[in-house]
Amino acid sequence: MCKHRIAYGIAKRAQALASQDVQALDAPASSEATQKEAQPAVASVGLPEAPASVNVYVEIAGRKVQITLRDTDEDRLMQRLERMMARYPVSEAAVQPPTPPAAPAAAAADEVPGLDHCPLHPGELMRLHTKNGQQWRSHRLADGTWCRGK
């Protein structure tokens, strides 16, 4: 079924329900029971925003999980947070500072001696960058092309 047929079906059903409501309002109420049924139901009110809330990440069964605690009283919330933190102590791996990532190959090429000059042509190499952060070294030849080191 296409979206047009679905929309037509929804509109047809909505029109039928609306006409039933209009007929119910137009009909004279003969008893109190029918008057009570004709009254609209009280709309439910959404829950208000919690005055106190806290998010914390804990490790459960080797997985990092975010837990949100909400309460109406901040002191009671902090007591609940302390009980929860005691239940899930910090692992030793989380306490140790992370090791820095290994330097990429392009950064390692900067430290290699002898890369400031082209091995095939006289002259210094320029460090060039792309927009996504990659870099390489090259120089322009007399004919306007770039040296590929081959």
C-alpha atoms as a PDB file:
ATOM      1  CA  MET A   1       0.000   0.000   0.000  1.00  0.00           C
ATOM      2  CA  CYS A   2       1.252   3.467  -0.838  1.00  0.00           C
ATOM      3  CA  LYS A   3       1.233   6.429   1.511  1.00  0.00           C
ATOM      4  CA  HIS A   4      -1.716   7.963  -0.324  1.00  0.00           C
ATOM      5  CA  ARG A   5      -3.989   4.988   0.330  1.00  0.00           C
ATOM      6  CA  ILE A   6      -2.911   4.877   3.979  1.00  0.00           C
ATOM      7  CA  ALA A   7      -3.605   8.612   4.365  1.00  0.00           C
ATOM      8  CA  TYR A   8      -7.014   8.198   2.724  1.00  0.00           C
ATOM      9  CA  GLY A   9      -7.864   5.338   5.133  1.00  0.00           C
ATOM     10  CA  ILE A  10      -6.810   7.421   8.146  1.00  0.00           C
ATOM     11  CA  ALA A  11      -8.856  10.405   6.950  1.00  0.00           C
ATOM     12  CA  LYS A  12     -11.913   8.222   6.306  1.00  0.00           C
ATOM     13  CA  ARG A  13     -11.759   6.684   9.802  1.00  0.00           C
ATOM     14  CA  ALA A  14     -11.167  10.081  11.447  1.00  0.00           C
ATOM     15  CA  GLN A  15     -14.157  11.559   9.636  1.00  0.00           C
ATOM     16  CA  ALA A  16     -16.378   8.683  10.770  1.00  0.00           C
ATOM     17  CA  LEU A  17     -15.257   9.115  14.399  1.00  0.00           C
ATOM     18  CA  ALA A  18     -15.754  12.877  14.236  1.00  0.00           C
ATOM     19  CA  SER A  19     -19.287  12.500  12.880  1.00  0.00           C
ATOM     20  CA  GLN A  20     -20.114  10.080  15.736  1.00  0.00           C
ATOM     21  CA  ASP A  21     -18.889  12.663  18.261  1.00  0.00           C
ATOM     22  CA  VAL A  22     -21.008  15.394  16.638  1.00  0.00           C
ATOM     23  CA  GLN A  23     -24.086  13.153  16.680  1.00  0.00           C
ATOM     24  CA  ALA A  24     -23.506  12.376  20.359  1.00  0.00           C
ATOM     25  CA  LEU A  25     -23.300  16.092  21.160  1.00  0.00           C
ATOM     26  CA  ASP A  26     -26.409  16.940  19.115  1.00  0.00           C
ATOM     27  CA  ALA A  27     -28.591  14.217  20.701  1.00  0.00           C
ATOM     28  CA  PRO A  28     -30.516  15.437  23.769  1.00  0.00           C
ATOM     29  CA  ALA A  29     -29.353  13.830  26.980  1.00  0.00           C
ATOM     30  CA  SER A  30     -32.303  12.009  28.560  1.00  0.00           C
ATOM     31  CA  SER A  31     -30.589  10.723  31.681  1.00  0.00           C
ATOM     32  CA  GLU A  32     -27.664  11.546  33.923  1.00  0.00           C
ATOM     33  CA  ALA A  33     -25.778   8.422  32.778  1.00  0.00           C
ATOM     34  CA  THR A  34     -25.653   9.610  29.189  1.00  0.00           C
ATOM     35  CA  GLN A  35     -24.559  13.054  30.358  1.00  0.00           C
ATOM     36  CA  LYS A  36     -21.640  11.545  32.274  1.00  0.00           C
ATOM     37  CA  GLU A  37     -20.603   9.492  29.252  1.00  0.00           C
ATOM     38  CA  ALA A  38     -20.707  12.565  26.985  1.00  0.00           C
ATOM     39  CA  GLN A  39     -18.342  14.539  29.227  1.00  0.00           C
ATOM     40  CA  PRO A  40     -14.764  14.524  27.983  1.00  0.00           C
ATOM     41  CA  ALA A  41     -12.208  12.614  30.023  1.00  0.00           C
ATOM     42  CA  VAL A  42      -9.722  14.605  32.070  1.00  0.00           C
ATOM     43  CA  ALA A  43      -6.408  14.838  30.223  1.00  0.00           C
ATOM     44  CA  SER A  44      -3.527  13.235  32.045  1.00  0.00           C
ATOM     45  CA  VAL A  45      -0.793  15.581  33.161  1.00  0.00           C
ATOM     46  CA  GLY A  46       2.819  14.732  32.270  1.00  0.00           C
ATOM     47  CA  LEU A  47       5.359  14.179  34.972  1.00  0.00           C
ATOM     48  CA  PRO A  48       7.264  17.290  36.022  1.00  0.00           C
ATOM     49  CA  GLU A  49      11.014  17.627  35.663  1.00  0.00           C
ATOM     50  CA  ALA A  50      12.880  16.110  38.598  1.00  0.00           C
ATOM     51  CA  PRO A  51      14.355  18.849  40.819  1.00  0.00           C
ATOM     52  CA  ALA A  52      17.452  16.730  41.463  1.00  0.00           C
ATOM     53  CA  SER A  53      19.093  14.312  39.036  1.00  0.00           C
ATOM     54  CA  VAL A  54      22.536  12.850  38.429  1.00  0.00           C
ATOM     55  CA  ASN A  55      24.099  10.761  35.633  1.00  0.00           C
ATOM     56  CA  VAL A  56      26.991   8.426  36.308  1.00  0.00           C
ATOM     57  CA  TYR A  57      28.874   5.868  34.233  1.00  0.00           C
ATOM     58  CA  VAL A  58      29.620   2.524  35.899  1.00  0.00           C
ATOM     59  CA  GLU A  59      31.098  -0.712  34.629  1.00  0.00           C
ATOM     60  CA  ILE A  60      28.799  -3.712  34.931  1.00  0.00           C
ATOM     61  CA  ALA A  61      29.988  -7.089  33.610  1.00  0.00           C
ATOM     62  CA  GLY A  62      32.721  -5.398  31.585  1.00  0.00           C
ATOM     63  CA  ARG A  63      30.354  -2.907  29.938  1.00  0.00           C
ATOM     64  CA  LYS A  64      30.236   0.838  30.460  1.00  0.00           C
ATOM     65  CA  VAL A  65      26.657   1.738  31.472  1.00  0.00           C
ATOM     66  CA  GLN A  66      25.102   5.162  32.096  1.00  0.00           C
ATOM     67  CA  ILE A  67      22.747   5.304  35.078  1.00  0.00           C
ATOM     68  CA  THR A  68      20.448   8.256  35.754  1.00  0.00           C
ATOM     69  CA  LEU A  69      19.101   8.823  39.264  1.00  0.00           C
ATOM     70  CA  ARG A  70      16.243  11.294  39.865  1.00  0.00           C
ATOM     71  CA  ASP A  71      14.667  12.456  43.103  1.00  0.00           C
ATOM     72  CA  THR A  72      12.759  15.327  44.634  1.00  0.00           C
ATOM     73  CA  ASP A  73      15.303  15.822  47.433  1.00  0.00           C
ATOM     74  CA  GLU A  74      18.999  16.434  46.729  1.00  0.00           C
ATOM     75  CA  ASP A  75      20.234  14.946  50.026  1.00  0.00           C
ATOM     76  CA  ARG A  76      18.265  11.748  49.486  1.00  0.00           C
ATOM     77  CA  LEU A  77      19.583  11.607  45.905  1.00  0.00           C
ATOM     78  CA  MET A  78      23.185  11.865  47.121  1.00  0.00           C
ATOM     79  CA  GLN A  79      22.594   9.037  49.629  1.00  0.00           C
ATOM     80  CA  ARG A  80      21.239   6.855  46.819  1.00  0.00           C
ATOM     81  CA  LEU A  81      24.247   7.779  44.669  1.00  0.00           C
ATOM     82  CA  GLU A  82      26.681   6.823  47.456  1.00  0.00           C
ATOM     83  CA  ARG A  83      24.954   3.422  47.884  1.00  0.00           C
ATOM     84  CA  MET A  84      25.081   2.817  44.147  1.00  0.00           C
ATOM     85  CA  MET A  85      28.766   3.817  43.903  1.00  0.00           C
ATOM     86  CA  ALA A  86      29.590   1.422  46.762  1.00  0.00           C
ATOM     87  CA  ARG A  87      27.776  -1.325  44.873  1.00  0.00           C
ATOM     88  CA  TYR A  88      29.885  -0.737  41.717  1.00  0.00           C
ATOM     89  CA  PRO A  89      33.454   0.082  42.821  1.00  0.00           C
ATOM     90  CA  VAL A  90      35.919   1.572  40.334  1.00  0.00           C
ATOM     91  CA  SER A  91      38.039  -1.054  38.564  1.00  0.00           C
ATOM     92  CA  GLU A  92      41.844  -0.824  38.557  1.00  0.00           C
ATOM     93  CA  ALA A  93      41.913  -0.313  34.777  1.00  0.00           C
ATOM     94  CA  ALA A  94      39.717   2.777  35.102  1.00  0.00           C
ATOM     95  CA  VAL A  95      42.020   4.338  37.722  1.00  0.00           C
ATOM     96  CA  GLN A  96      45.179   4.129  35.587  1.00  0.00           C
ATOM     97  CA  PRO A  97      45.611   6.995  33.125  1.00  0.00           C
ATOM     98  CA  PRO A  98      45.181   5.961  29.507  1.00  0.00           C
ATOM     99  CA  THR A  99      48.298   5.500  27.438  1.00  0.00           C
ATOM    100  CA  PRO A 100      48.714   8.022  24.631  1.00  0.00           C
ATOM    101  CA  PRO A 101      47.950   6.665  21.161  1.00  0.00           C
ATOM    102  CA  ALA A 102      50.817   5.635  18.924  1.00  0.00           C
ATOM    103  CA  ALA A 103      52.065   8.330  16.579  1.00  0.00           C
ATOM    104  CA  PRO A 104      50.819   7.952  13.001  1.00  0.00           C
ATOM    105  CA  ALA A 105      53.236   7.041  10.239  1.00  0.00           C
ATOM    106  CA  ALA A 106      53.238  10.592   8.868  1.00  0.00           C
ATOM    107  CA  ALA A 107      54.349  12.018  12.223  1.00  0.00           C
ATOM    108  CA  ALA A 108      57.024   9.358  12.516  1.00  0.00           C
ATOM    109  CA  ALA A 109      58.358  10.426   9.106  1.00  0.00           C
ATOM    110  CA  ASP A 110      59.072  13.880  10.556  1.00  0.00           C
ATOM    111  CA  GLU A 111      61.567  12.393  12.982  1.00  0.00           C
ATOM    112  CA  VAL A 112      63.498  10.384  10.383  1.00  0.00           C
ATOM    113  CA  PRO A 113      66.727  12.194   9.506  1.00  0.00           C
ATOM    114  CA  GLY A 114      67.395  12.925   5.846  1.00  0.00           C
ATOM    115  CA  LEU A 115      63.776  13.604   4.884  1.00  0.00           C
ATOM    116  CA  ASP A 116      64.341  17.349   4.567  1.00  0.00           C
ATOM    117  CA  HIS A 117      66.011  16.890   1.172  1.00  0.00           C
ATOM    118  CA  CYS A 118      64.830  14.972  -1.885  1.00  0.00           C
ATOM    119  CA  PRO A 119      66.998  11.886  -2.580  1.00  0.00           C
ATOM    120  CA  LEU A 120      66.603  12.391  -6.366  1.00  0.00           C
ATOM    121  CA  HIS A 121      66.757  16.149  -6.845  1.00  0.00           C
ATOM    122  CA  PRO A 122      68.560  19.034  -5.147  1.00  0.00           C
ATOM    123  CA  GLY A 123      66.371  21.127  -2.885  1.00  0.00           C
ATOM    124  CA  GLU A 124      64.332  20.897   0.271  1.00  0.00           C
ATOM    125  CA  LEU A 125      61.032  19.072   0.603  1.00  0.00           C
ATOM    126  CA  MET A 126      57.899  20.974   1.647  1.00  0.00           C
ATOM    127  CA  ARG A 127      55.456  19.506   4.129  1.00  0.00           C
ATOM    128  CA  LEU A 128      52.010  19.424   2.498  1.00  0.00           C
ATOM    129  CA  HIS A 129      48.661  18.752   4.168  1.00  0.00           C
ATOM    130  CA  THR A 130      45.266  17.614   2.963  1.00  0.00           C
ATOM    131  CA  LYS A 131      42.010  18.900   4.445  1.00  0.00           C
ATOM    132  CA  ASN A 132      41.523  15.647   6.420  1.00  0.00           C
ATOM    133  CA  GLY A 133      44.887  15.976   8.210  1.00  0.00           C
ATOM    134  CA  GLN A 134      47.089  13.687   6.122  1.00  0.00           C
ATOM    135  CA  GLN A 135      50.516  15.023   5.278  1.00  0.00           C
ATOM    136  CA  TRP A 136      53.396  14.252   2.976  1.00  0.00           C
ATOM    137  CA  ARG A 137      56.618  15.850   1.768  1.00  0.00           C
ATOM    138  CA  SER A 138      57.290  16.845  -1.800  1.00  0.00           C
ATOM    139  CA  HIS A 139      58.667  19.629  -3.979  1.00  0.00           C
ATOM    140  CA  ARG A 140      57.802  21.178  -7.313  1.00  0.00           C
ATOM    141  CA  LEU A 141      60.004  20.369 -10.292  1.00  0.00           C
ATOM    142  CA  ALA A 142      61.141  22.871 -12.934  1.00  0.00           C
ATOM    143  CA  ASP A 143      58.378  21.765 -15.351  1.00  0.00           C
ATOM    144  CA  GLY A 144      55.664  22.517 -12.741  1.00  0.00           C
ATOM    145  CA  THR A 145      54.910  18.927 -11.714  1.00  0.00           C
ATOM    146  CA  TRP A 146      55.420  17.502  -8.236  1.00  0.00           C
ATOM    147  CA  CYS A 147      58.254  15.098  -7.386  1.00  0.00           C
ATOM    148  CA  ARG A 148      56.998  11.644  -6.368  1.00  0.00           C
ATOM    149  CA  GLY A 149      60.401  10.381  -5.254  1.00  0.00           C
ATOM    150  CA  LYS A 150      60.583   7.780  -8.028  1.00  0.00           C
END
